Amino acid sequence: MIIELPIGKSNYQIPCKKSEREKLSRLAEKLNKRLNRLASQIEGDEKTLLAIAALSLEGELELASEIEAPESELNEQDVEDAISETMENISDYIEKLSKKIQKY
């Protein structure tokens, strides 16, 4: 089965199982919300926004895997510090990217 998902200003045809259709639609909606937030913070074309969103998601996945690692004995403060640091890194990256884009 093929599902057509609007993401950003484009429509993507994604192969999926019938049982995955609803979940993919929901995820596309969440991604669009993320893209809209990014677009309000920086100027950039759709590819740039998608790349930034992907990098942001990778950062979140990396953090989640660190938190869930069984050998890791993180306390609540460690988790809060890690989240804060990740958010600062993402914010710094977006700010630097925004300045580069504005120069062009």
N, C-alpha and C. Protein backbone atom coordinates (compact mmCIF):
# COMPACT_ATOMS: atom_id res chain seq x y z
N MET A 1 0.84 -1.17 0.00
CA MET A 1 0.00 0.00 0.00
C MET A 1 0.90 1.24 0.00
N ILE A 2 0.47 2.28 -0.68
CA ILE A 2 1.18 3.56 -0.74
C ILE A 2 0.32 4.62 -0.05
N ILE A 3 0.94 5.38 0.82
CA ILE A 3 0.25 6.49 1.48
C ILE A 3 0.92 7.78 1.04
N GLU A 4 0.11 8.79 0.78
CA GLU A 4 0.64 10.10 0.41
C GLU A 4 0.61 11.00 1.65
N LEU A 5 1.79 11.47 2.02
CA LEU A 5 1.91 12.29 3.23
C LEU A 5 2.38 13.69 2.87
N PRO A 6 1.63 14.70 3.27
CA PRO A 6 2.11 16.06 3.08
C PRO A 6 3.11 16.40 4.19
N ILE A 7 4.32 16.72 3.78
CA ILE A 7 5.37 17.12 4.74
C ILE A 7 5.98 18.39 4.20
N GLY A 8 5.87 19.44 5.00
CA GLY A 8 6.33 20.74 4.51
C GLY A 8 5.44 21.17 3.36
N LYS A 9 6.07 21.58 2.28
CA LYS A 9 5.32 22.02 1.11
C LYS A 9 5.22 20.94 0.05
N SER A 10 5.66 19.74 0.37
CA SER A 10 5.68 18.64 -0.59
C SER A 10 4.80 17.49 -0.14
N ASN A 11 4.45 16.66 -1.07
CA ASN A 11 3.73 15.43 -0.79
C ASN A 11 4.66 14.26 -1.12
N TYR A 12 4.71 13.30 -0.20
CA TYR A 12 5.58 12.15 -0.38
C TYR A 12 4.75 10.88 -0.41
N GLN A 13 5.04 10.03 -1.37
CA GLN A 13 4.38 8.73 -1.46
C GLN A 13 5.26 7.71 -0.77
N ILE A 14 4.74 7.17 0.31
CA ILE A 14 5.50 6.28 1.17
C ILE A 14 4.85 4.90 1.17
N PRO A 15 5.62 3.87 0.85
CA PRO A 15 5.06 2.52 0.94
C PRO A 15 4.92 2.11 2.41
N CYS A 16 3.81 1.48 2.73
CA CYS A 16 3.59 1.04 4.11
C CYS A 16 2.55 -0.06 4.13
N LYS A 17 2.48 -0.70 5.29
CA LYS A 17 1.42 -1.68 5.52
C LYS A 17 0.17 -0.92 5.91
N LYS A 18 -0.97 -1.53 5.66
CA LYS A 18 -2.24 -0.88 6.00
C LYS A 18 -2.29 -0.54 7.49
N SER A 19 -1.73 -1.40 8.31
CA SER A 19 -1.75 -1.18 9.76
C SER A 19 -0.87 0.00 10.19
N GLU A 20 0.06 0.43 9.33
CA GLU A 20 0.96 1.54 9.67
C GLU A 20 0.44 2.90 9.20
N ARG A 21 -0.62 2.89 8.42
CA ARG A 21 -1.11 4.12 7.80
C ARG A 21 -1.42 5.23 8.81
N GLU A 22 -2.17 4.90 9.83
CA GLU A 22 -2.58 5.90 10.82
C GLU A 22 -1.36 6.45 11.57
N LYS A 23 -0.46 5.55 11.94
CA LYS A 23 0.74 5.99 12.67
C LYS A 23 1.59 6.92 11.80
N LEU A 24 1.78 6.58 10.53
CA LEU A 24 2.57 7.43 9.65
C LEU A 24 1.92 8.80 9.46
N SER A 25 0.62 8.83 9.36
CA SER A 25 -0.09 10.11 9.24
C SER A 25 0.13 10.97 10.47
N ARG A 26 0.05 10.34 11.64
CA ARG A 26 0.27 11.06 12.89
C ARG A 26 1.70 11.58 12.99
N LEU A 27 2.66 10.76 12.58
CA LEU A 27 4.06 11.18 12.62
C LEU A 27 4.32 12.33 11.64
N ALA A 28 3.67 12.28 10.48
CA ALA A 28 3.83 13.37 9.50
C ALA A 28 3.27 14.67 10.08
N GLU A 29 2.15 14.59 10.78
CA GLU A 29 1.58 15.79 11.43
C GLU A 29 2.56 16.36 12.45
N LYS A 30 3.16 15.49 13.26
CA LYS A 30 4.12 15.94 14.27
C LYS A 30 5.35 16.57 13.61
N LEU A 31 5.81 15.97 12.52
CA LEU A 31 6.96 16.51 11.79
C LEU A 31 6.62 17.87 11.21
N ASN A 32 5.42 18.02 10.68
CA ASN A 32 5.00 19.32 10.14
C ASN A 32 4.97 20.39 11.23
N LYS A 33 4.53 20.03 12.43
CA LYS A 33 4.54 20.99 13.54
C LYS A 33 5.97 21.40 13.87
N ARG A 34 6.87 20.44 13.88
CA ARG A 34 8.29 20.73 14.15
C ARG A 34 8.86 21.65 13.06
N LEU A 35 8.52 21.35 11.82
CA LEU A 35 9.01 22.18 10.70
C LEU A 35 8.46 23.60 10.79
N ASN A 36 7.21 23.73 11.18
CA ASN A 36 6.61 25.06 11.32
C ASN A 36 7.29 25.86 12.43
N ARG A 37 7.62 25.19 13.54
CA ARG A 37 8.35 25.87 14.62
C ARG A 37 9.72 26.32 14.13
N LEU A 38 10.41 25.45 13.42
CA LEU A 38 11.73 25.82 12.89
C LEU A 38 11.63 26.97 11.90
N ALA A 39 10.62 26.92 11.04
CA ALA A 39 10.45 27.97 10.03
C ALA A 39 10.18 29.32 10.68
N SER A 40 9.58 29.32 11.86
CA SER A 40 9.31 30.58 12.55
C SER A 40 10.58 31.12 13.22
N GLN A 41 11.57 30.25 13.41
CA GLN A 41 12.82 30.66 14.07
C GLN A 41 13.92 31.04 13.09
N ILE A 42 13.95 30.37 11.95
CA ILE A 42 15.01 30.64 10.97
C ILE A 42 14.42 30.68 9.57
N GLU A 43 15.13 31.34 8.70
CA GLU A 43 14.74 31.35 7.29
C GLU A 43 15.54 30.27 6.59
N GLY A 44 14.89 29.54 5.76
CA GLY A 44 15.58 28.50 5.02
C GLY A 44 14.60 27.80 4.10
N ASP A 45 15.18 27.15 3.10
CA ASP A 45 14.32 26.41 2.18
C ASP A 45 13.88 25.10 2.85
N GLU A 46 13.00 24.41 2.19
CA GLU A 46 12.42 23.20 2.77
C GLU A 46 13.47 22.14 3.08
N LYS A 47 14.46 21.98 2.20
CA LYS A 47 15.50 20.99 2.43
C LYS A 47 16.30 21.31 3.69
N THR A 48 16.61 22.58 3.88
CA THR A 48 17.37 22.99 5.06
C THR A 48 16.57 22.72 6.32
N LEU A 49 15.30 23.07 6.31
CA LEU A 49 14.45 22.83 7.48
C LEU A 49 14.32 21.34 7.78
N LEU A 50 14.18 20.53 6.73
CA LEU A 50 14.10 19.09 6.94
C LEU A 50 15.40 18.54 7.51
N ALA A 51 16.53 19.07 7.04
CA ALA A 51 17.83 18.63 7.56
C ALA A 51 17.97 19.00 9.03
N ILE A 52 17.59 20.21 9.38
CA ILE A 52 17.67 20.65 10.78
C ILE A 52 16.74 19.81 11.65
N ALA A 53 15.53 19.53 11.16
CA ALA A 53 14.59 18.71 11.91
C ALA A 53 15.17 17.30 12.11
N ALA A 54 15.79 16.75 11.07
CA ALA A 54 16.39 15.42 11.18
C ALA A 54 17.53 15.42 12.20
N LEU A 55 18.36 16.45 12.16
CA LEU A 55 19.46 16.54 13.13
C LEU A 55 18.93 16.67 14.56
N SER A 56 17.89 17.45 14.71
CA SER A 56 17.27 17.62 16.02
C SER A 56 16.73 16.28 16.53
N LEU A 57 16.06 15.55 15.65
CA LEU A 57 15.52 14.25 16.04
C LEU A 57 16.62 13.27 16.39
N GLU A 58 17.72 13.29 15.62
CA GLU A 58 18.86 12.41 15.92
C GLU A 58 19.43 12.73 17.30
N GLY A 59 19.51 14.02 17.62
CA GLY A 59 19.99 14.42 18.95
C GLY A 59 19.09 13.90 20.04
N GLU A 60 17.79 13.98 19.81
CA GLU A 60 16.84 13.48 20.80
C GLU A 60 16.94 11.96 20.94
N LEU A 61 17.11 11.26 19.82
CA LEU A 61 17.27 9.80 19.87
C LEU A 61 18.55 9.40 20.59
N GLU A 62 19.61 10.14 20.33
CA GLU A 62 20.88 9.87 21.00
C GLU A 62 20.73 10.05 22.51
N LEU A 63 20.09 11.12 22.90
CA LEU A 63 19.87 11.37 24.33
C LEU A 63 19.00 10.27 24.94
N ALA A 64 17.94 9.89 24.23
CA ALA A 64 17.06 8.84 24.75
C ALA A 64 17.81 7.52 24.90
N SER A 65 18.69 7.20 23.96
CA SER A 65 19.43 5.94 24.06
C SER A 65 20.41 5.99 25.22
N GLU A 66 20.98 7.16 25.49
CA GLU A 66 21.89 7.31 26.63
C GLU A 66 21.12 7.12 27.95
N ILE A 67 19.91 7.66 27.99
CA ILE A 67 19.10 7.57 29.21
C ILE A 67 18.65 6.13 29.45
N GLU A 68 18.32 5.43 28.36
CA GLU A 68 17.79 4.07 28.48
C GLU A 68 18.88 3.02 28.61
N ALA A 69 20.15 3.38 28.42
CA ALA A 69 21.23 2.40 28.48
C ALA A 69 21.26 1.76 29.87
N PRO A 70 21.19 0.43 29.94
CA PRO A 70 21.13 -0.23 31.24
C PRO A 70 22.40 -0.02 32.07
N GLU A 71 23.56 0.12 31.43
CA GLU A 71 24.79 0.30 32.19
C GLU A 71 24.92 1.72 32.73
N SER A 72 24.07 2.58 32.25
CA SER A 72 24.12 3.97 32.68
C SER A 72 23.31 4.13 33.95
N GLU A 73 23.93 4.75 34.94
CA GLU A 73 23.21 5.01 36.19
C GLU A 73 23.04 6.51 36.34
N LEU A 74 22.15 7.06 35.53
CA LEU A 74 21.91 8.50 35.57
C LEU A 74 20.85 8.81 36.60
N ASN A 75 21.07 9.88 37.34
CA ASN A 75 20.02 10.33 38.23
C ASN A 75 19.22 11.43 37.53
N GLU A 76 18.21 11.91 38.19
CA GLU A 76 17.33 12.91 37.58
C GLU A 76 18.08 14.17 37.17
N GLN A 77 19.02 14.61 37.98
CA GLN A 77 19.79 15.81 37.66
C GLN A 77 20.65 15.60 36.42
N ASP A 78 21.24 14.39 36.27
CA ASP A 78 22.04 14.08 35.09
C ASP A 78 21.19 14.16 33.83
N VAL A 79 19.97 13.64 33.93
CA VAL A 79 19.06 13.67 32.78
C VAL A 79 18.70 15.11 32.44
N GLU A 80 18.36 15.90 33.44
CA GLU A 80 18.01 17.30 33.20
C GLU A 80 19.19 18.05 32.60
N ASP A 81 20.40 17.79 33.10
CA ASP A 81 21.60 18.45 32.57
C ASP A 81 21.84 18.04 31.11
N ALA A 82 21.66 16.76 30.82
CA ALA A 82 21.87 16.28 29.46
C ALA A 82 20.85 16.89 28.50
N ILE A 83 19.61 16.98 28.92
CA ILE A 83 18.57 17.58 28.08
C ILE A 83 18.87 19.05 27.86
N SER A 84 19.25 19.73 28.91
CA SER A 84 19.57 21.15 28.81
C SER A 84 20.74 21.38 27.86
N GLU A 85 21.77 20.57 27.98
CA GLU A 85 22.94 20.70 27.11
C GLU A 85 22.59 20.43 25.66
N THR A 86 21.78 19.40 25.42
CA THR A 86 21.36 19.08 24.06
C THR A 86 20.54 20.22 23.46
N MET A 87 19.62 20.77 24.23
CA MET A 87 18.80 21.86 23.74
C MET A 87 19.66 23.09 23.44
N GLU A 88 20.65 23.36 24.28
CA GLU A 88 21.56 24.49 24.03
C GLU A 88 22.35 24.26 22.75
N ASN A 89 22.83 23.04 22.55
CA ASN A 89 23.59 22.73 21.34
C ASN A 89 22.73 22.90 20.09
N ILE A 90 21.50 22.43 20.15
CA ILE A 90 20.59 22.57 19.02
C ILE A 90 20.29 24.04 18.77
N SER A 91 20.04 24.79 19.83
CA SER A 91 19.77 26.22 19.71
C SER A 91 20.95 26.96 19.10
N ASP A 92 22.16 26.65 19.58
CA ASP A 92 23.37 27.28 19.03
C ASP A 92 23.52 26.95 17.55
N TYR A 93 23.28 25.68 17.21
CA TYR A 93 23.41 25.26 15.82
C TYR A 93 22.41 26.01 14.93
N ILE A 94 21.17 26.09 15.37
CA ILE A 94 20.14 26.79 14.60
C ILE A 94 20.49 28.26 14.45
N GLU A 95 20.99 28.87 15.51
CA GLU A 95 21.36 30.29 15.47
C GLU A 95 22.50 30.51 14.47
N LYS A 96 23.52 29.65 14.51
CA LYS A 96 24.65 29.78 13.57
C LYS A 96 24.18 29.56 12.13
N LEU A 97 23.34 28.56 11.95
CA LEU A 97 22.82 28.28 10.62
C LEU A 97 21.98 29.44 10.11
N SER A 98 21.17 30.02 10.99
CA SER A 98 20.34 31.16 10.63
C SER A 98 21.20 32.34 10.18
N LYS A 99 22.30 32.59 10.89
CA LYS A 99 23.19 33.70 10.52
C LYS A 99 23.83 33.44 9.17
N LYS A 100 24.21 32.19 8.90
CA LYS A 100 24.79 31.86 7.60
C LYS A 100 23.78 32.06 6.47
N ILE A 101 22.55 31.63 6.73
CA ILE A 101 21.50 31.77 5.72
C ILE A 101 21.21 33.23 5.45
N GLN A 102 21.19 34.06 6.49
CA GLN A 102 20.92 35.48 6.33
C GLN A 102 22.01 36.18 5.54
N LYS A 103 23.24 35.68 5.58
CA LYS A 103 24.33 36.28 4.82
C LYS A 103 24.14 36.09 3.31
N TYR A 104 23.44 35.02 2.94
CA TYR A 104 23.20 34.76 1.53
C TYR A 104 21.98 35.51 1.11
